[in-house]
């Protein structure tokens, strides 16, 4: 393989595609949306903040006015900290009248047998959603706990029983070092694997789109016949994969940098300060990212070249893209246990291993057997992808008219 020829193809593919109107428009979409979001945040930030706080208050219940009909005597009189939101009524009829007049938002009826069965009634106007929201409110449950324990335990103990736990999680990393502690640390524990896997999938989709488009256009224009007369199919394949891969990566990086720029780098700073990944994990993430992209790129170029039109190429290569996105279906389970059996199995399958390991590595300590085994399989798979992609590409770039059947493809591979 002549590197000078490969480098010429890389340059041509990169320069040609970054000048395309489609590339420029698609690349500009994300910065434009980020700018719109920045303007909305600047001019409507206060409104959005108030809306968000209103939603929190609604579901937590702290903004509601609740009438209380106490049939047990345990809630009379009300504790001072609850007098602002709760109002005692002498009977249910009086409370219903206050609800109809809009003086309260809901009425809580506590029957005399509440201690025995724990049942209470919540009367609201319109729908039962108000009662459901109150039932799930920690603040509402605290109202009951505080009054039931009044006079039986110390006030400090009563307040703690009403709000018993504020969790401050810590994650042990390498050598027992605490990492990812605090709310931001836990948040970025979820974000980092999603972000890295998303980057890989986006790079694969974007690059494969340009790759298939370029191959289809050159085949339809018969330019491919002229090109292969001066370079070998392998040189052409490698040049296109690297050049168009760089195009896709450029687009994704522009999207990323624009988002970071419009947020003054806050996302990156929070990531660095809140979640410090060990150097060995960062290195592994880069390796899996590169191996994953290379395998998909060579396979898509080879399989996509068998199509006689752009649509046919996209349909065939789209099947491969589904494997890259498959680990997203298990993301909920991976967050709870990154070392699930199904996750370990998919870590050894070449088409799912890159994305799966990008998910698992930031979340937990992955067994070294999984890392060594998956890297070995991916390395061998890359060699196989280059061999298979080159064989298919050699035949596919000169196929016109009808796409070959799977039987014909198998015979072509055997004969080569």
Protein backbone atom coordinates (compact mmCIF):
# COMPACT_ATOMS: atom_id res chain seq x y z
CA UNK A 1 0.00 0.00 0.00
CA UNK A 2 1.44 3.36 -1.08
CA UNK A 3 1.00 5.91 1.70
CA UNK A 4 1.46 8.85 -0.66
CA UNK A 5 -1.57 7.72 -2.66
CA UNK A 6 -3.59 7.16 0.52
CA UNK A 7 -2.68 10.63 1.81
CA UNK A 8 -3.75 12.22 -1.48
CA UNK A 9 -7.14 10.47 -1.26
CA UNK A 10 -7.55 11.55 2.37
CA UNK A 11 -6.90 15.17 1.49
CA UNK A 12 -9.23 15.07 -1.51
CA UNK A 13 -12.09 13.46 0.39
CA UNK A 14 -11.77 15.83 3.34
CA UNK A 15 -11.48 19.07 1.37
CA UNK A 16 -14.21 18.11 -1.11
CA UNK A 17 -16.76 17.17 1.54
CA UNK A 18 -16.21 20.05 3.98
CA UNK A 19 -17.02 22.39 1.09
CA UNK A 20 -20.36 20.74 0.36
CA UNK A 21 -23.40 22.97 1.10
CA UNK A 22 -25.00 20.04 2.90
CA UNK A 23 -22.03 19.71 5.25
CA UNK A 24 -21.95 23.45 5.96
CA UNK A 25 -25.69 23.62 6.65
CA UNK A 26 -25.75 20.53 8.88
CA UNK A 27 -22.67 21.73 10.77
CA UNK A 28 -24.21 25.14 11.36
CA UNK A 29 -27.51 23.78 12.69
CA UNK A 30 -26.27 22.90 16.20
CA UNK A 31 -24.44 26.24 16.80
CA UNK A 32 -27.56 28.04 15.56
CA UNK A 33 -29.78 26.09 17.94
CA UNK A 34 -27.31 26.72 20.77
CA UNK A 35 -27.40 30.46 20.01
CA UNK A 36 -31.20 30.44 20.02
CA UNK A 37 -31.14 28.58 23.34
CA UNK A 38 -28.71 31.16 24.73
CA UNK A 39 -30.97 34.03 23.67
CA UNK A 40 -34.03 32.32 25.10
CA UNK A 41 -32.14 31.71 28.33
CA UNK A 42 -31.02 35.35 28.47
CA UNK A 43 -34.43 36.87 27.83
CA UNK A 44 -36.65 34.20 29.29
CA UNK A 45 -34.43 32.69 31.97
CA UNK A 46 -36.40 34.22 34.80
CA UNK A 47 -39.68 33.00 33.36
CA UNK A 48 -38.32 29.47 32.79
CA UNK A 49 -36.88 29.41 36.29
CA UNK A 50 -40.22 30.43 37.76
CA UNK A 51 -42.02 27.82 35.67
CA UNK A 52 -39.59 25.14 36.84
CA UNK A 53 -39.97 26.16 40.46
CA UNK A 54 -43.75 26.15 40.08
CA UNK A 55 -43.64 22.58 38.77
CA UNK A 56 -41.43 21.53 41.70
CA UNK A 57 -43.76 23.19 44.17
CA UNK A 58 -46.78 21.56 42.55
CA UNK A 59 -45.46 18.01 42.77
CA UNK A 60 -43.91 18.53 46.20
CA UNK A 61 -47.03 20.22 47.51
CA UNK A 62 -45.30 23.07 49.37
CA UNK A 63 -47.31 25.74 47.55
CA UNK A 64 -50.72 24.23 48.26
CA UNK A 65 -53.26 25.42 50.80
CA UNK A 66 -54.79 22.41 52.49
CA UNK A 67 -57.81 22.31 54.75
CA UNK A 68 -57.74 19.72 57.56
CA UNK A 69 -60.68 18.02 59.20
CA UNK A 70 -59.21 16.22 62.21
CA UNK A 71 -61.29 13.34 63.53
CA UNK A 72 -58.54 12.00 65.81
CA UNK A 73 -57.43 15.06 67.80
CA UNK A 74 -53.82 14.21 67.06
CA UNK A 75 -53.47 17.10 64.58
CA UNK A 76 -55.10 19.75 66.77
CA UNK A 77 -53.64 22.28 67.21
CA UNK A 78 -51.38 22.42 64.18
CA UNK A 79 -47.64 22.64 64.69
CA UNK A 80 -46.37 26.18 64.02
CA UNK A 81 -44.23 25.15 61.00
CA UNK A 82 -47.34 23.86 59.19
CA UNK A 83 -49.78 26.70 59.97
CA UNK A 84 -48.88 28.56 56.78
CA UNK A 85 -50.11 25.79 54.46
CA UNK A 86 -52.66 23.93 56.58
CA UNK A 87 -55.92 25.27 58.01
CA UNK A 88 -58.06 23.43 60.57
CA UNK A 89 -61.83 23.24 60.07
CA UNK A 90 -64.44 22.13 62.56
CA UNK A 91 -66.27 19.86 60.11
CA UNK A 92 -66.23 18.49 56.57
CA UNK A 93 -69.07 20.70 55.38
CA UNK A 94 -67.21 23.85 56.41
CA UNK A 95 -64.04 22.60 54.69
CA UNK A 96 -65.92 21.76 51.46
CA UNK A 97 -67.39 25.30 51.41
CA UNK A 98 -63.88 26.76 51.74
CA UNK A 99 -62.73 24.53 48.86
CA UNK A 100 -65.59 25.69 46.64
CA UNK A 101 -64.83 29.35 47.49
CA UNK A 102 -61.17 28.85 46.53
CA UNK A 103 -59.81 29.47 50.03
CA UNK A 104 -58.01 26.11 50.01
CA UNK A 105 -56.73 23.90 47.18
CA UNK A 106 -57.64 20.58 48.77
CA UNK A 107 -59.30 19.19 51.88
CA UNK A 108 -57.70 16.48 54.02
CA UNK A 109 -60.25 14.45 55.99
CA UNK A 110 -58.63 12.38 58.76
CA UNK A 111 -61.23 9.94 60.17
CA UNK A 112 -61.35 8.76 63.78
CA UNK A 113 -60.08 5.28 62.85
CA UNK A 114 -57.00 6.65 61.07
CA UNK A 115 -54.60 5.06 63.59
CA UNK A 116 -56.05 1.60 62.93
CA UNK A 117 -56.10 1.62 59.11
CA UNK A 118 -54.07 4.66 58.00
CA UNK A 119 -56.73 5.74 55.49
CA UNK A 120 -57.43 9.42 54.83
CA UNK A 121 -59.50 11.20 52.20
CA UNK A 122 -58.26 14.03 50.02
CA UNK A 123 -61.02 16.10 48.42
CA UNK A 124 -59.98 18.18 45.41
CA UNK A 125 -61.70 20.04 42.59
CA UNK A 126 -61.41 18.88 38.99
CA UNK A 127 -59.55 15.56 39.17
CA UNK A 128 -57.89 13.08 41.50
CA UNK A 129 -54.41 14.08 40.30
CA UNK A 130 -54.16 16.52 43.21
CA UNK A 131 -54.54 13.65 45.69
CA UNK A 132 -51.94 11.51 43.88
CA UNK A 133 -49.42 14.37 43.88
CA UNK A 134 -49.92 14.91 47.62
CA UNK A 135 -49.52 11.19 48.38
CA UNK A 136 -46.04 11.15 46.80
CA UNK A 137 -44.95 14.39 48.49
CA UNK A 138 -42.28 14.03 51.17
CA UNK A 139 -43.40 17.32 52.69
CA UNK A 140 -47.00 16.05 52.99
CA UNK A 141 -45.87 12.82 54.68
CA UNK A 142 -43.73 14.89 57.04
CA UNK A 143 -46.91 16.65 58.20
CA UNK A 144 -48.29 13.33 59.47
CA UNK A 145 -45.03 12.13 61.03
CA UNK A 146 -44.46 15.38 62.92
CA UNK A 147 -47.94 15.43 64.42
CA UNK A 148 -48.05 11.73 65.28
CA UNK A 149 -44.73 12.01 67.19
CA UNK A 150 -45.60 15.29 68.91
CA UNK A 151 -44.98 15.01 72.64
CA UNK A 152 -43.67 11.47 72.32
CA UNK A 153 -40.11 12.23 71.22
CA UNK A 154 -37.85 15.26 71.25
CA UNK A 155 -38.69 17.91 68.63
CA UNK A 156 -35.32 17.40 66.89
CA UNK A 157 -35.99 13.67 66.56
CA UNK A 158 -39.49 14.38 65.26
CA UNK A 159 -38.15 16.73 62.58
CA UNK A 160 -35.54 14.18 61.53
CA UNK A 161 -38.19 11.44 61.32
CA UNK A 162 -40.23 13.69 59.01
CA UNK A 163 -37.20 14.11 56.71
CA UNK A 164 -34.98 11.14 57.61
CA UNK A 165 -32.36 10.94 54.86
CA UNK A 166 -30.24 13.24 52.70
CA UNK A 167 -27.98 10.90 50.77
CA UNK A 168 -24.41 11.96 49.96
CA UNK A 169 -23.09 9.16 47.73
CA UNK A 170 -19.43 8.31 47.30
CA UNK A 171 -17.96 5.94 44.72
CA UNK A 172 -14.71 4.10 45.37
CA UNK A 173 -12.39 4.09 42.39
CA UNK A 174 -8.92 2.70 41.95
CA UNK A 175 -6.89 2.14 45.14
CA UNK A 176 -9.87 3.02 47.30
CA UNK A 177 -9.91 6.65 46.16
CA UNK A 178 -13.30 8.32 46.40
CA UNK A 179 -14.53 9.64 43.09
CA UNK A 180 -17.80 11.03 41.83
CA UNK A 181 -19.05 12.13 45.25
CA UNK A 182 -21.78 14.70 45.65
CA UNK A 183 -24.73 15.47 43.38
CA UNK A 184 -22.62 16.74 40.47
CA UNK A 185 -20.39 13.68 40.64
CA UNK A 186 -23.35 11.32 40.47
CA UNK A 187 -24.90 13.39 37.67
CA UNK A 188 -21.77 13.17 35.53
CA UNK A 189 -21.43 9.47 36.34
CA UNK A 190 -24.58 9.09 34.23
CA UNK A 191 -23.71 11.75 31.65
CA UNK A 192 -20.18 10.64 30.74
CA UNK A 193 -21.02 7.14 29.44
CA UNK A 194 -24.06 8.47 27.60
CA UNK A 195 -22.00 11.26 26.08
CA UNK A 196 -19.11 9.03 24.96
CA UNK A 197 -21.41 6.39 23.47
CA UNK A 198 -23.45 9.14 21.78
CA UNK A 199 -20.27 10.62 20.29
CA UNK A 200 -19.27 7.23 18.86
CA UNK A 201 -22.72 6.57 17.40
CA UNK A 202 -22.97 10.08 15.95
CA UNK A 203 -19.49 9.86 14.39
CA UNK A 204 -20.41 6.49 12.85
CA UNK A 205 -23.71 7.79 11.46
CA UNK A 206 -22.32 11.06 10.11
CA UNK A 207 -19.15 9.56 8.62
CA UNK A 208 -20.99 6.61 7.09
CA UNK A 209 -23.45 9.02 5.49
CA UNK A 210 -20.67 10.92 3.73
CA UNK A 211 -18.84 7.69 2.91
CA UNK A 212 -21.86 6.07 1.29
CA UNK A 213 -22.82 9.27 -0.50
CA UNK A 214 -19.33 9.65 -1.97
CA UNK A 215 -19.14 6.02 -3.14
CA UNK A 216 -22.64 6.10 -4.64
CA UNK A 217 -21.98 9.34 -6.53
CA UNK A 218 -18.66 8.13 -7.94
CA UNK A 219 -20.27 4.86 -9.05
CA UNK A 220 -23.23 6.58 -10.69
CA UNK A 221 -20.93 9.05 -12.48
CA UNK A 222 -18.55 6.25 -13.51
CA UNK A 223 -15.70 8.16 -11.88
CA UNK A 224 -14.85 5.07 -9.83
CA UNK A 225 -13.60 3.25 -12.93
CA UNK A 226 -11.06 5.99 -13.59
CA UNK A 227 -9.92 6.14 -9.96
CA UNK A 228 -9.25 2.40 -9.61
CA UNK A 229 -7.06 2.52 -12.68
CA UNK A 230 -4.42 4.49 -10.75
CA UNK A 231 -4.85 3.28 -7.16
CA UNK A 232 -5.58 -0.10 -5.61
CA UNK A 233 -8.98 -0.79 -3.99
CA UNK A 234 -7.31 -1.07 -0.57
CA UNK A 235 -5.61 2.32 -0.95
CA UNK A 236 -8.89 3.86 -2.07
CA UNK A 237 -10.79 2.23 0.80
CA UNK A 238 -8.34 3.35 3.49
CA UNK A 239 -8.17 6.87 2.07
CA UNK A 240 -11.94 7.21 1.99
CA UNK A 241 -12.43 5.76 5.49
CA UNK A 242 -9.83 8.05 7.07
CA UNK A 243 -10.74 11.15 5.04
CA UNK A 244 -14.50 10.87 5.46
CA UNK A 245 -14.06 9.75 9.05
CA UNK A 246 -12.20 13.01 9.64
CA UNK A 247 -15.11 14.88 8.01
CA UNK A 248 -17.60 13.28 10.37
CA UNK A 249 -15.38 13.85 13.39
CA UNK A 250 -14.92 17.50 12.37
CA UNK A 251 -18.67 17.99 12.28
CA UNK A 252 -19.22 16.36 15.66
CA UNK A 253 -16.36 18.38 17.21
CA UNK A 254 -17.79 21.63 15.84
CA UNK A 255 -21.13 20.75 17.44
CA UNK A 256 -19.43 19.95 20.73
CA UNK A 257 -17.20 23.03 20.80
CA UNK A 258 -20.11 25.30 19.92
CA UNK A 259 -22.11 23.95 22.84
CA UNK A 260 -19.16 24.38 25.18
CA UNK A 261 -18.51 27.86 23.84
CA UNK A 262 -22.08 29.05 24.31
CA UNK A 263 -22.03 27.75 27.89
CA UNK A 264 -18.63 29.38 28.58
CA UNK A 265 -17.10 25.94 29.00
CA UNK A 266 -19.23 25.29 32.07
CA UNK A 267 -20.00 21.74 31.02
CA UNK A 268 -16.35 20.86 30.63
CA UNK A 269 -15.34 22.55 33.88
CA UNK A 270 -18.06 20.75 35.82
CA UNK A 271 -17.05 17.46 34.28
CA UNK A 272 -13.40 17.90 35.23
CA UNK A 273 -14.10 19.15 38.74
CA UNK A 274 -16.94 16.77 39.59
CA UNK A 275 -15.81 13.52 38.07
CA UNK A 276 -12.13 12.78 37.69
CA UNK A 277 -11.62 9.60 35.69
CA UNK A 278 -8.37 7.67 36.22
CA UNK A 279 -5.84 8.04 33.36
CA UNK A 280 -6.04 4.32 32.60
CA UNK A 281 -9.81 4.58 32.10
CA UNK A 282 -9.43 7.61 29.82
CA UNK A 283 -6.87 5.75 27.72
CA UNK A 284 -9.16 2.73 27.41
CA UNK A 285 -12.07 4.96 26.38
CA UNK A 286 -9.98 6.44 23.56
CA UNK A 287 -8.85 2.98 22.42
CA UNK A 288 -12.40 1.61 22.34
CA UNK A 289 -13.60 4.72 20.53
CA UNK A 290 -10.96 4.42 17.78
CA UNK A 291 -11.32 0.66 17.37
CA UNK A 292 -15.10 0.88 17.28
CA UNK A 293 -15.14 3.60 14.65
CA UNK A 294 -12.54 1.84 12.47
CA UNK A 295 -14.43 -1.47 12.49
CA UNK A 296 -17.74 0.14 11.57
CA UNK A 297 -16.17 2.38 8.93
CA UNK A 298 -14.47 -0.46 7.02
CA UNK A 299 -17.53 -2.71 7.22
CA UNK A 300 -19.88 0.05 6.09
CA UNK A 301 -17.61 1.00 3.20
CA UNK A 302 -17.42 -2.60 2.01
CA UNK A 303 -21.08 -3.50 2.47
CA UNK A 304 -22.33 -0.08 1.37
CA UNK A 305 -20.37 -0.29 -1.88
CA UNK A 306 -22.51 -3.28 -2.94
CA UNK A 307 -25.53 -1.03 -3.38
CA UNK A 308 -26.16 0.37 -6.82
CA UNK A 309 -27.79 3.56 -5.46
CA UNK A 310 -27.39 5.76 -2.41
CA UNK A 311 -30.66 4.45 -0.92
CA UNK A 312 -29.62 0.81 -1.29
CA UNK A 313 -26.26 1.51 0.35
CA UNK A 314 -27.89 3.26 3.29
CA UNK A 315 -30.36 0.42 3.83
CA UNK A 316 -27.60 -2.20 3.93
CA UNK A 317 -25.26 -0.14 6.14
CA UNK A 318 -28.13 0.91 8.41
CA UNK A 319 -28.30 -2.61 9.80
CA UNK A 320 -24.78 -2.19 11.20
CA UNK A 321 -25.68 1.12 12.83
CA UNK A 322 -28.36 -0.64 14.88
CA UNK A 323 -25.70 -2.73 16.60
CA UNK A 324 -23.80 0.39 17.67
CA UNK A 325 -26.95 1.82 19.29
CA UNK A 326 -28.09 -1.50 20.83
CA UNK A 327 -26.44 -0.92 24.27
CA UNK A 328 -28.67 2.14 24.73
CA UNK A 329 -31.57 -0.28 25.17
CA UNK A 330 -29.84 -1.67 28.26
CA UNK A 331 -28.65 1.66 29.65
CA UNK A 332 -31.16 1.63 32.51
CA UNK A 333 -29.90 -1.75 33.70
CA UNK A 334 -26.26 -0.74 33.20
CA UNK A 335 -26.63 2.23 35.52
CA UNK A 336 -27.73 -0.12 38.30
CA UNK A 337 -25.21 -2.89 37.56
CA UNK A 338 -22.60 -2.32 34.81
CA UNK A 339 -21.32 -5.89 35.22
CA UNK A 340 -24.55 -7.67 34.31
CA UNK A 341 -24.11 -10.97 32.50
CA UNK A 342 -25.75 -9.64 29.33
CA UNK A 343 -23.46 -6.59 29.44
CA UNK A 344 -20.38 -8.80 29.78
CA UNK A 345 -21.52 -10.98 26.89
CA UNK A 346 -22.11 -7.97 24.61
CA UNK A 347 -18.66 -6.67 25.58
CA UNK A 348 -17.14 -9.61 23.68
CA UNK A 349 -19.25 -9.14 20.52
CA UNK A 350 -17.29 -6.91 18.09
CA UNK A 351 -20.22 -4.78 16.92
CA UNK A 352 -21.53 -3.98 20.41
CA UNK A 353 -18.28 -4.09 22.41
CA UNK A 354 -17.14 -0.48 21.72
CA UNK A 355 -20.39 1.17 22.82
CA UNK A 356 -20.95 -1.26 25.68
CA UNK A 357 -17.46 -0.70 27.13
CA UNK A 358 -17.85 3.07 26.76
CA UNK A 359 -20.91 2.70 28.99
CA UNK A 360 -19.36 0.35 31.53
CA UNK A 361 -15.88 1.79 32.12
CA UNK A 362 -16.92 5.12 33.75
CA UNK A 363 -19.60 3.43 35.89
CA UNK A 364 -17.74 0.68 37.75
CA UNK A 365 -14.59 -1.37 38.00
CA UNK A 366 -14.80 -3.67 34.99
CA UNK A 367 -13.09 -7.09 35.37
CA UNK A 368 -9.72 -7.19 33.62
CA UNK A 369 -10.84 -10.34 31.78
CA UNK A 370 -13.57 -8.32 30.06
CA UNK A 371 -11.15 -5.56 29.08
CA UNK A 372 -8.36 -7.83 27.82
CA UNK A 373 -10.77 -10.18 26.04
CA UNK A 374 -12.77 -7.43 24.35
CA UNK A 375 -9.65 -5.58 23.21
CA UNK A 376 -8.19 -8.78 21.75
CA UNK A 377 -11.43 -9.56 19.93
CA UNK A 378 -11.75 -5.99 18.65
CA UNK A 379 -8.15 -5.98 17.37
CA UNK A 380 -8.71 -9.24 15.47
CA UNK A 381 -12.10 -7.98 14.30
CA UNK A 382 -10.50 -4.84 12.90
CA UNK A 383 -8.13 -6.94 10.80
CA UNK A 384 -11.10 -9.02 9.68
CA UNK A 385 -13.13 -5.88 8.90
CA UNK A 386 -10.29 -4.49 6.77
CA UNK A 387 -9.98 -7.80 4.90
CA UNK A 388 -13.74 -8.21 4.40
CA UNK A 389 -14.29 -4.56 3.60
CA UNK A 390 -11.51 -4.58 1.00
CA UNK A 391 -12.86 -7.73 -0.69
CA UNK A 392 -16.39 -6.37 -0.86
CA UNK A 393 -15.19 -2.93 -1.87
CA UNK A 394 -13.04 -4.37 -4.67
CA UNK A 395 -16.11 -5.99 -6.21
CA UNK A 396 -18.79 -3.48 -5.14
CA UNK A 397 -17.24 -0.37 -6.67
CA UNK A 398 -17.60 -1.89 -10.15
CA UNK A 399 -21.12 -3.31 -9.71
CA UNK A 400 -23.84 -1.49 -11.66
CA UNK A 401 -27.50 -2.17 -12.25
CA UNK A 402 -28.51 -4.97 -9.87
CA UNK A 403 -27.25 -5.48 -6.33
CA UNK A 404 -25.71 -8.96 -5.87
CA UNK A 405 -27.51 -11.51 -3.71
CA UNK A 406 -26.02 -12.87 -0.48
CA UNK A 407 -25.21 -16.13 -2.30
CA UNK A 408 -23.32 -14.23 -4.98
CA UNK A 409 -21.46 -12.24 -2.33
CA UNK A 410 -20.44 -15.48 -0.61
CA UNK A 411 -19.17 -16.93 -3.87
CA UNK A 412 -17.20 -13.73 -4.53
CA UNK A 413 -15.53 -13.95 -1.11
CA UNK A 414 -14.69 -17.61 -1.57
CA UNK A 415 -13.16 -17.05 -4.98
CA UNK A 416 -11.06 -14.18 -3.71
